[in-house]
Protein backbone atom coordinates (compact mmCIF):
# COMPACT_ATOMS: atom_id res chain seq x y z
CA MET A 1 0.00 0.00 0.00
CA LYS A 2 1.45 3.35 -1.11
CA ILE A 3 0.07 6.68 0.07
CA ALA A 4 0.67 10.15 -1.35
CA LEU A 5 -0.14 13.02 1.03
CA LEU A 6 -0.47 16.38 -0.73
CA CYS A 7 -0.42 19.85 0.83
CA SER A 8 0.48 22.80 -1.39
CA GLY A 9 0.53 25.20 1.56
CA LEU A 10 3.15 23.26 3.53
CA GLY A 11 6.37 25.22 3.18
CA ASN A 12 4.53 28.29 1.90
CA ILE A 13 2.33 29.22 4.86
CA ASN A 14 2.03 28.17 8.49
CA ARG A 15 -1.48 27.37 9.75
CA GLY A 16 -3.29 24.49 11.41
CA HIS A 17 -3.94 23.00 7.97
CA GLU A 18 -0.24 22.67 7.26
CA THR A 19 0.47 21.51 10.82
CA PHE A 20 -1.96 18.65 10.24
CA ALA A 21 -0.12 17.58 7.08
CA ARG A 22 3.27 17.61 8.79
CA ASP A 23 2.04 15.81 11.91
CA LEU A 24 0.21 13.14 9.90
CA PHE A 25 3.29 12.42 7.80
CA GLU A 26 5.55 12.21 10.86
CA LEU A 27 3.01 9.93 12.54
CA LEU A 28 2.82 7.45 9.67
CA LYS A 29 6.19 7.55 7.91
CA ASP A 30 7.61 4.64 9.91
CA THR A 31 4.39 2.59 9.66
CA VAL A 32 3.27 2.82 6.03
CA ASP A 33 4.81 3.67 2.66
CA ILE A 34 3.83 7.34 2.56
CA THR A 35 5.28 10.21 0.51
CA LEU A 36 4.67 13.86 1.36
CA LEU A 37 4.25 16.24 -1.58
CA LYS A 38 4.56 19.83 -0.33
CA GLY A 39 4.81 23.38 -1.61
CA GLY A 40 8.17 24.36 -0.13
CA GLY A 41 11.04 23.38 2.15
CA ASP A 42 13.63 20.66 1.67
CA THR A 43 13.41 17.59 -0.55
CA THR A 44 14.19 14.17 0.95
CA PRO A 45 13.53 10.64 -0.34
CA ARG A 46 10.13 10.70 1.41
CA GLU A 47 9.31 14.42 0.98
CA LEU A 48 9.03 16.02 -2.43
CA VAL A 49 8.90 19.77 -2.99
CA ILE A 50 6.52 20.35 -5.87
CA GLU A 51 7.15 23.38 -8.05
CA ASN A 52 4.40 25.98 -7.71
CA ILE A 53 3.71 29.70 -7.54
CA PRO A 54 3.10 30.26 -3.80
CA ARG A 55 0.11 32.31 -2.69
CA ASN A 56 2.49 34.73 -0.96
CA ALA A 57 4.81 35.16 -3.99
CA ALA A 58 5.83 38.72 -4.82
CA THR A 59 4.80 38.06 -8.43
CA LEU A 60 1.18 37.81 -7.26
CA ARG A 61 1.23 41.13 -5.43
CA HIS A 62 -0.69 42.99 -8.13
CA ILE A 63 -3.75 41.05 -9.21
CA HIS A 64 -6.42 42.86 -11.22
CA LEU A 65 -9.92 41.44 -10.91
CA PRO A 66 -13.31 42.70 -12.15
CA VAL A 67 -14.86 42.90 -8.68
CA SER A 68 -16.16 45.60 -6.39
CA PRO A 69 -13.43 47.38 -4.35
CA LYS A 70 -15.31 46.19 -1.25
CA TRP A 71 -14.46 42.58 -2.08
CA MET A 72 -11.13 43.11 -3.84
CA THR A 73 -8.86 41.95 -0.99
CA ALA A 74 -10.82 38.75 -0.43
CA ALA A 75 -11.02 38.07 -4.16
CA GLN A 76 -7.28 38.57 -4.58
CA GLU A 77 -6.62 36.18 -1.71
CA GLN A 78 -8.80 33.55 -3.36
CA GLU A 79 -7.03 34.08 -6.68
CA ARG A 80 -3.61 33.66 -5.05
CA LEU A 81 -4.74 30.39 -3.53
CA ARG A 82 -6.13 29.26 -6.89
CA ILE A 83 -2.82 29.96 -8.61
CA GLU A 84 -0.83 28.11 -5.93
CA THR A 85 -3.05 25.03 -6.00
CA ALA A 86 -3.36 24.96 -9.81
CA THR A 87 0.39 25.17 -10.41
CA PHE A 88 1.04 22.67 -7.62
CA ALA A 89 -1.48 20.16 -8.99
CA HIS A 90 -0.04 20.21 -12.51
CA SER A 91 3.52 19.88 -11.24
CA ALA A 92 2.52 17.02 -8.93
CA LEU A 93 1.00 14.99 -11.77
CA ARG A 94 4.25 13.45 -13.02
CA PRO A 95 5.55 12.12 -9.65
CA LEU A 96 2.06 10.81 -8.93
CA LEU A 97 1.86 9.01 -12.26
CA GLU A 98 5.31 7.51 -11.71
CA GLY A 99 4.80 6.67 -8.04
CA GLY A 100 2.27 3.84 -8.26
CA PHE A 101 0.20 5.18 -5.35
CA ASP A 102 -2.91 3.38 -4.09
CA VAL A 103 -4.35 6.40 -2.25
CA ILE A 104 -3.86 10.09 -3.07
CA HIS A 105 -4.75 12.14 0.01
CA CYS A 106 -5.42 15.80 -0.84
CA LEU A 107 -5.77 18.61 1.69
CA GLU A 108 -6.71 21.38 -0.78
CA GLN A 109 -9.99 21.39 -2.68
CA GLU A 110 -8.61 22.68 -5.99
CA VAL A 111 -5.66 20.25 -5.94
CA CYS A 112 -8.09 17.37 -5.48
CA ASN A 113 -10.38 18.58 -8.26
CA GLN A 114 -7.61 18.98 -10.78
CA LEU A 115 -5.83 15.70 -10.08
CA TYR A 116 -9.06 13.70 -9.99
CA ALA A 117 -9.77 14.94 -13.51
CA PHE A 118 -6.52 13.21 -14.60
CA ARG A 119 -7.20 9.85 -12.97
CA HIS A 120 -7.77 8.21 -16.36
CA LEU A 121 -4.02 8.64 -17.00
CA PHE A 122 -2.97 6.23 -14.23
CA GLU A 123 -2.09 2.64 -15.02
CA ASN A 124 -3.86 1.56 -11.83
CA THR A 125 -6.53 4.06 -10.83
CA PRO A 126 -5.76 5.43 -7.35
CA LYS A 127 -8.40 6.31 -4.79
CA PHE A 128 -8.73 10.00 -3.96
CA LEU A 129 -9.27 11.07 -0.36
CA PHE A 130 -10.12 14.67 0.47
CA SER A 131 -9.65 16.01 4.01
CA ASN A 132 -12.48 18.50 4.44
CA GLY A 133 -10.62 20.83 6.77
CA GLY A 134 -12.71 23.81 5.67
CA ALA A 135 -16.09 22.14 6.34
CA ILE A 136 -17.04 22.65 2.69
CA PRO A 137 -20.75 21.88 2.12
CA SER A 138 -21.47 18.57 0.41
CA ALA A 139 -22.65 20.27 -2.78
CA ASP A 140 -19.29 22.05 -3.16
CA LEU A 141 -16.95 19.18 -2.29
CA PRO A 142 -14.25 18.36 -4.87
CA ALA A 143 -14.48 15.27 -7.03
CA CYS A 144 -13.09 12.41 -4.93
CA ASP A 145 -13.78 8.88 -3.72
CA PHE A 146 -13.70 9.48 0.05
CA VAL A 147 -14.07 12.48 2.39
CA GLN A 148 -12.50 12.83 5.83
CA GLU A 149 -14.53 14.97 8.23
CA HIS A 150 -12.68 16.13 11.32
CA THR A 151 -15.63 16.48 13.72
CA GLU A 152 -18.80 14.49 14.33
CA TYR A 153 -20.78 17.72 13.88
CA ASN A 154 -19.38 18.18 10.36
CA LEU A 155 -19.95 14.50 9.56
CA LYS A 156 -23.66 14.83 10.35
CA LYS A 157 -23.89 17.73 7.89
CA ASN A 158 -22.17 15.78 5.11
CA THR A 159 -24.67 14.19 2.72
CA SER A 160 -22.21 12.99 0.08
CA GLY A 161 -22.26 9.35 1.18
CA LYS A 162 -18.44 9.27 0.94
CA ALA A 163 -17.58 10.62 4.39
CA PHE A 164 -16.11 9.21 7.57
CA TYR A 165 -15.06 10.82 10.86
CA LEU A 166 -11.39 11.00 11.79
CA PRO A 167 -10.18 14.02 13.78
CA HIS A 168 -7.01 16.03 13.79
CA GLY A 169 -4.58 14.97 16.46
CA VAL A 170 -1.84 16.43 18.62
CA ASP A 171 1.56 15.03 19.55
CA THR A 172 1.35 14.77 23.34
CA THR A 173 5.08 14.13 23.59
CA ARG A 174 5.54 17.77 22.47
CA PHE A 175 2.42 19.36 23.94
CA HIS A 176 2.06 18.58 27.63
CA PRO A 177 2.02 20.57 30.89
CA GLY A 178 5.41 19.35 32.08
CA ILE A 179 7.35 21.53 29.64
CA HIS A 180 9.88 23.92 31.15
CA SER A 181 9.47 27.38 29.64
CA ASP A 182 11.42 30.58 30.06
CA PHE A 183 8.97 32.49 27.85
CA ARG A 184 7.83 34.72 30.73
CA ARG A 185 11.38 35.63 31.67
CA ARG A 186 12.37 36.40 28.09
CA HIS A 187 9.38 38.70 27.64
CA ALA A 188 9.45 40.32 31.09
CA ILE A 189 6.12 38.86 32.20
CA PRO A 190 5.83 38.73 36.01
CA GLU A 191 5.69 35.23 37.43
CA ASP A 192 2.45 36.01 39.29
CA ALA A 193 0.70 37.64 36.30
CA PHE A 194 -2.52 36.24 34.81
CA VAL A 195 -1.65 35.44 31.17
CA VAL A 196 -4.01 34.70 28.30
CA ILE A 197 -2.76 33.23 25.02
CA SER A 198 -4.40 33.27 21.58
CA VAL A 199 -2.86 31.41 18.64
CA GLY A 200 -3.83 32.15 15.05
CA THR A 201 -3.34 34.50 12.13
CA ILE A 202 -3.14 38.09 13.42
CA CYS A 203 -6.16 39.34 11.50
CA TYR A 204 -9.58 40.95 11.89
CA TRP A 205 -12.04 38.99 9.82
CA HIS A 206 -11.63 35.41 11.04
CA LYS A 207 -9.50 35.11 14.17
CA ARG A 208 -10.78 38.50 15.39
CA MET A 209 -7.62 39.30 17.30
CA ASP A 210 -8.82 42.89 17.78
CA TYR A 211 -11.74 41.54 19.84
CA VAL A 212 -9.39 39.44 21.98
CA ILE A 213 -7.14 42.45 22.61
CA ARG A 214 -10.00 44.71 23.72
CA GLU A 215 -11.40 42.03 26.03
CA VAL A 216 -8.13 41.14 27.76
CA ALA A 217 -7.05 44.79 27.94
CA ALA A 218 -10.06 45.43 30.18
CA ILE A 219 -8.64 43.08 32.84
CA GLU A 220 -6.29 44.99 35.09
CA ARG A 221 -2.68 43.74 35.03
CA ALA A 222 -3.56 40.79 32.72
CA TYR A 223 -1.07 39.94 29.98
CA LEU A 224 -1.85 38.71 26.48
CA ILE A 225 0.30 36.56 24.17
CA ILE A 226 -0.72 36.50 20.51
CA ALA A 227 1.18 33.91 18.52
CA GLY A 228 0.43 33.63 14.84
CA GLN A 229 1.21 34.31 11.25
CA GLU A 230 1.18 37.88 9.99
CA CYS A 231 -1.05 39.28 7.26
CA ALA A 232 -2.17 42.65 5.87
CA ASP A 233 -4.10 43.37 9.11
CA THR A 234 -1.21 42.68 11.45
CA ASP A 235 0.39 46.13 11.68
CA ALA A 236 -2.93 47.76 12.61
CA ILE A 237 -3.67 45.06 15.19
CA ARG A 238 -0.20 45.43 16.71
CA ALA A 239 -0.78 49.17 17.01
CA LEU A 240 -4.13 48.59 18.72
CA GLY A 241 -2.57 46.11 21.13
CA HIS A 242 0.25 48.43 22.19
CA GLN A 243 -2.17 51.36 22.45
CA LEU A 244 -4.52 49.50 24.82
CA MET A 245 -2.07 47.26 26.69
CA GLY A 246 1.39 48.78 26.38
CA GLN A 247 3.95 46.25 27.55
CA ARG A 248 1.25 43.81 28.66
CA ILE A 249 0.90 42.37 25.15
CA ILE A 250 3.42 40.16 23.35
CA PHE A 251 3.21 39.35 19.64
CA ALA A 252 5.18 36.28 18.61
CA ASN A 253 5.46 34.68 15.17
CA LEU A 254 6.80 31.32 16.33
CA PRO A 255 7.62 28.15 14.42
CA HIS A 256 5.28 25.35 15.44
CA GLU A 257 7.95 23.49 17.40
CA GLU A 258 8.34 26.51 19.71
CA LEU A 259 4.64 26.97 20.45
CA PRO A 260 4.67 24.74 23.57
CA GLN A 261 6.97 27.33 25.22
CA ALA A 262 4.35 30.03 24.69
CA TYR A 263 1.43 27.86 25.83
CA ALA A 264 3.35 26.94 28.97
CA ALA A 265 3.63 30.63 29.90
CA ALA A 266 -0.17 31.08 29.95
CA ASN A 267 -3.01 30.51 32.39
CA ALA A 268 -5.82 30.38 29.83
CA PHE A 269 -6.37 30.00 26.10
CA THR A 270 -8.85 31.84 23.91
CA LEU A 271 -9.72 32.26 20.26
CA GLY A 272 -11.92 35.12 19.06
CA SER A 273 -13.26 33.42 15.93
CA LEU A 274 -17.00 32.81 15.72
CA PHE A 275 -16.57 29.45 14.00
CA GLU A 276 -13.72 27.02 13.34
CA THR A 277 -14.03 23.93 11.19
CA PHE A 278 -11.68 22.28 13.64
CA GLY A 279 -9.10 24.51 15.29
CA ILE A 280 -6.05 22.41 16.13
CA VAL A 281 -4.96 25.16 18.55
CA TYR A 282 -7.85 24.21 20.85
CA ILE A 283 -6.49 20.72 21.36
CA GLU A 284 -2.90 21.92 21.60
CA ALA A 285 -3.98 24.19 24.46
CA MET A 286 -5.98 21.38 26.05
CA ALA A 287 -2.98 19.05 25.81
CA MET A 288 -0.96 21.70 27.66
CA GLY A 289 -3.53 21.69 30.48
CA LEU A 290 -5.01 25.12 29.68
CA PRO A 291 -8.71 25.95 30.04
CA VAL A 292 -10.28 26.96 26.73
CA PHE A 293 -12.50 30.04 26.33
CA CYS A 294 -14.16 29.95 22.89
CA THR A 295 -17.24 30.59 20.81
CA ASN A 296 -20.52 28.98 21.79
CA HIS A 297 -20.95 27.01 18.58
CA PRO A 298 -22.04 23.34 18.32
CA ASN A 299 -18.85 22.42 16.48
CA GLN A 300 -16.61 23.95 19.13
CA ARG A 301 -18.65 22.30 21.88
CA ASN A 302 -18.18 19.01 20.05
CA ILE A 303 -14.40 19.51 19.77
CA VAL A 304 -13.54 21.00 23.16
CA GLY A 305 -16.09 19.21 25.33
CA ASN A 306 -15.29 20.91 28.65
CA GLY A 307 -14.63 24.60 28.10
CA ILE A 308 -16.08 28.04 28.66
CA PHE A 309 -18.38 28.76 25.71
CA ILE A 310 -19.45 32.35 25.19
CA ASP A 311 -21.02 34.64 22.61
CA MET A 312 -17.90 36.17 21.09
CA THR A 313 -19.97 38.84 19.31
CA VAL A 314 -20.86 40.52 22.62
CA PRO A 315 -18.45 43.19 23.89
CA GLY A 316 -17.39 42.35 27.43
CA ALA A 317 -18.39 38.68 27.24
CA LEU A 318 -14.84 37.34 27.16
CA THR A 319 -13.69 39.86 29.78
CA SER A 320 -16.46 38.73 32.12
CA ALA A 321 -15.74 35.04 31.60
CA LEU A 322 -12.01 35.43 32.20
CA LYS A 323 -12.70 37.40 35.38
CA ASN A 324 -15.39 35.13 36.79
CA VAL A 325 -13.82 31.71 36.22
CA GLY A 326 -11.61 31.13 39.23
CA GLU A 327 -8.31 29.32 39.50
CA SER A 328 -9.81 26.06 40.80
CA GLU A 329 -12.33 25.90 37.95
CA ARG A 330 -9.60 26.67 35.42
CA SER A 331 -7.51 23.85 36.86
CA GLU A 332 -10.42 21.40 36.62
CA LEU A 333 -11.13 22.41 33.03
CA GLY A 334 -7.44 21.93 32.23
CA ARG A 335 -7.49 18.46 33.76
CA LEU A 336 -10.62 17.45 31.83
CA GLY A 337 -9.12 18.84 28.63
CA MET A 338 -5.97 16.76 28.99
CA ARG A 339 -8.08 13.64 29.55
CA ARG A 340 -10.13 14.40 26.44
CA VAL A 341 -6.98 14.83 24.35
CA ALA A 342 -5.62 11.53 25.65
CA ASP A 343 -8.88 9.73 24.82
CA ILE A 344 -9.66 11.27 21.41
CA TYR A 345 -6.89 13.40 19.93
CA ASP A 346 -3.58 11.78 20.87
CA MET A 347 -1.77 11.19 17.57
CA ALA A 348 -0.29 7.92 18.82
CA ARG A 349 -3.82 6.57 19.40
CA LEU A 350 -5.00 7.83 16.01
CA ARG A 351 -2.21 6.07 14.08
CA GLU A 352 -4.01 2.73 13.87
CA ARG A 353 -7.27 4.36 12.74
CA TYR A 354 -5.52 6.21 9.91
CA VAL A 355 -3.80 3.03 8.75
CA GLU A 356 -7.06 1.07 8.79
CA HIS A 357 -8.86 3.73 6.75
CA TYR A 358 -6.03 3.82 4.21
CA LYS A 359 -6.15 0.01 3.91
CA ARG A 360 -9.91 0.09 3.42
CA MET A 361 -9.59 2.69 0.67
CA ALA A 362 -6.71 0.85 -1.03
CA ARG A 363 -8.79 -2.35 -1.13
CA SER A 364 -11.88 -0.62 -2.53
CA THR A 365 -12.83 -0.75 -6.19
CA VAL A 366 -13.29 2.33 -8.35
CA ASN A 367 -14.41 2.35 -11.95
CA LEU A 368 -13.63 4.95 -14.56
CA PRO A 369 -16.70 6.41 -16.26
CA ARG A 370 -17.89 4.81 -19.49
CA HIS A 371 -19.54 6.56 -22.40
CA THR A 372 -23.32 6.23 -22.44
CA LEU A 373 -26.10 8.43 -23.77
CA GLY A 374 -27.38 8.98 -20.24
CA ARG A 375 -23.96 10.12 -19.01
CA LYS A 376 -23.58 12.50 -21.95
CA MET A 377 -26.97 14.09 -21.20
CA LEU A 378 -26.13 14.35 -17.49
CA ASP A 379 -22.75 15.96 -18.20
CA ASN A 380 -24.38 18.48 -20.53
CA ALA A 381 -26.95 19.36 -17.89
CA ARG A 382 -24.24 19.83 -15.27
CA ASN A 383 -22.21 22.06 -17.55
CA ILE A 384 -25.25 24.25 -18.23
CA ALA A 385 -25.98 24.46 -14.50
CA ARG A 386 -22.38 25.45 -13.71
CA LYS A 387 -22.41 28.11 -16.44
CA LEU A 388 -25.66 29.60 -15.11
CA ALA A 389 -24.27 29.56 -11.55
CA ARG A 390 -21.11 31.39 -12.64
CA GLN A 391 -23.13 33.99 -14.50
CA THR A 392 -25.35 34.51 -11.45
CA ARG A 393 -22.37 34.98 -9.14
CA GLN A 394 -20.69 37.43 -11.54
CA SER A 395 -23.86 39.51 -11.76
CA PHE A 396 -23.68 40.16 -8.02
CA LEU A 397 -20.05 41.34 -8.09
């Protein structure tokens, strides 16, 4: 059984999505014949860097699109991602054709779509698995044979008939409360200070780091650590943080292997986003023994289990929760979180489940489409529907 794991963002950007790809490869590389195809970094016999135009390439800085200025930034971001995944998919085709893989595991929607369209080129047709890390609705899923949903909540919403539940995991040998950290000393945080940490892209629209800053700033003498990748919003958010908190806020763009040091310096974890399809940072924090303060959404309740769930749209809600949850309750939540990670999200425990799913997919039978009058009529109808949908979307831009 040969597995190809594809992630165009790995080596180009640093988010939970890419962390999942790296952790899954490291988990399985000594157990199964798996090759990691990634967008950047170093090439080894088991890791191939696939040529692509990264979404953050300087050559993509000036993209002209026929959209309203209101939506231009978001549209440009989508176009950058499309270019990265399209160039990655085409460059990945040759090593995939030559590799004799039984399962091709794709983490990006467009990569999966493009490669699946070429499956008739393979001597032995591989099975395509898509990890639905973005909780894409069933109607918009890429063409594939199997779909991995990362939460039971998302699985219930999937109507494709191809889905199974298998969550993200965390390496508890790296994320655990026994880690010695000098993060407080290095950043002049008093040993007796109450410290909140938030991990995610330093942006407005999704992670809502501005909300987190305003809420923690309202707690006298509390410190805030924000660890995450920078973006166009970051400078403005940094300025807001220093304006409201002065030296009580620390911004850190850390490599993933250094994150445990930052978690270990905190007393509580929070994320300002209103919804996360998974949120690997929740379980990293839980593995570190931190109580989690997050949005009151069914998916987050399903992931975290024992946490403090609040309406993150309400000003003062996070401030109030952080103030009113005492040390003993935080400790109990931390203990329950560690137990939940050990039972559900420990990567070592998930290894066998991943291997079994790969074996099941490798054994399954897939048939290439055959020409029939019915298929031709169905394809024509689908093409007309797609064309009408595109025209409808463009009319609203």
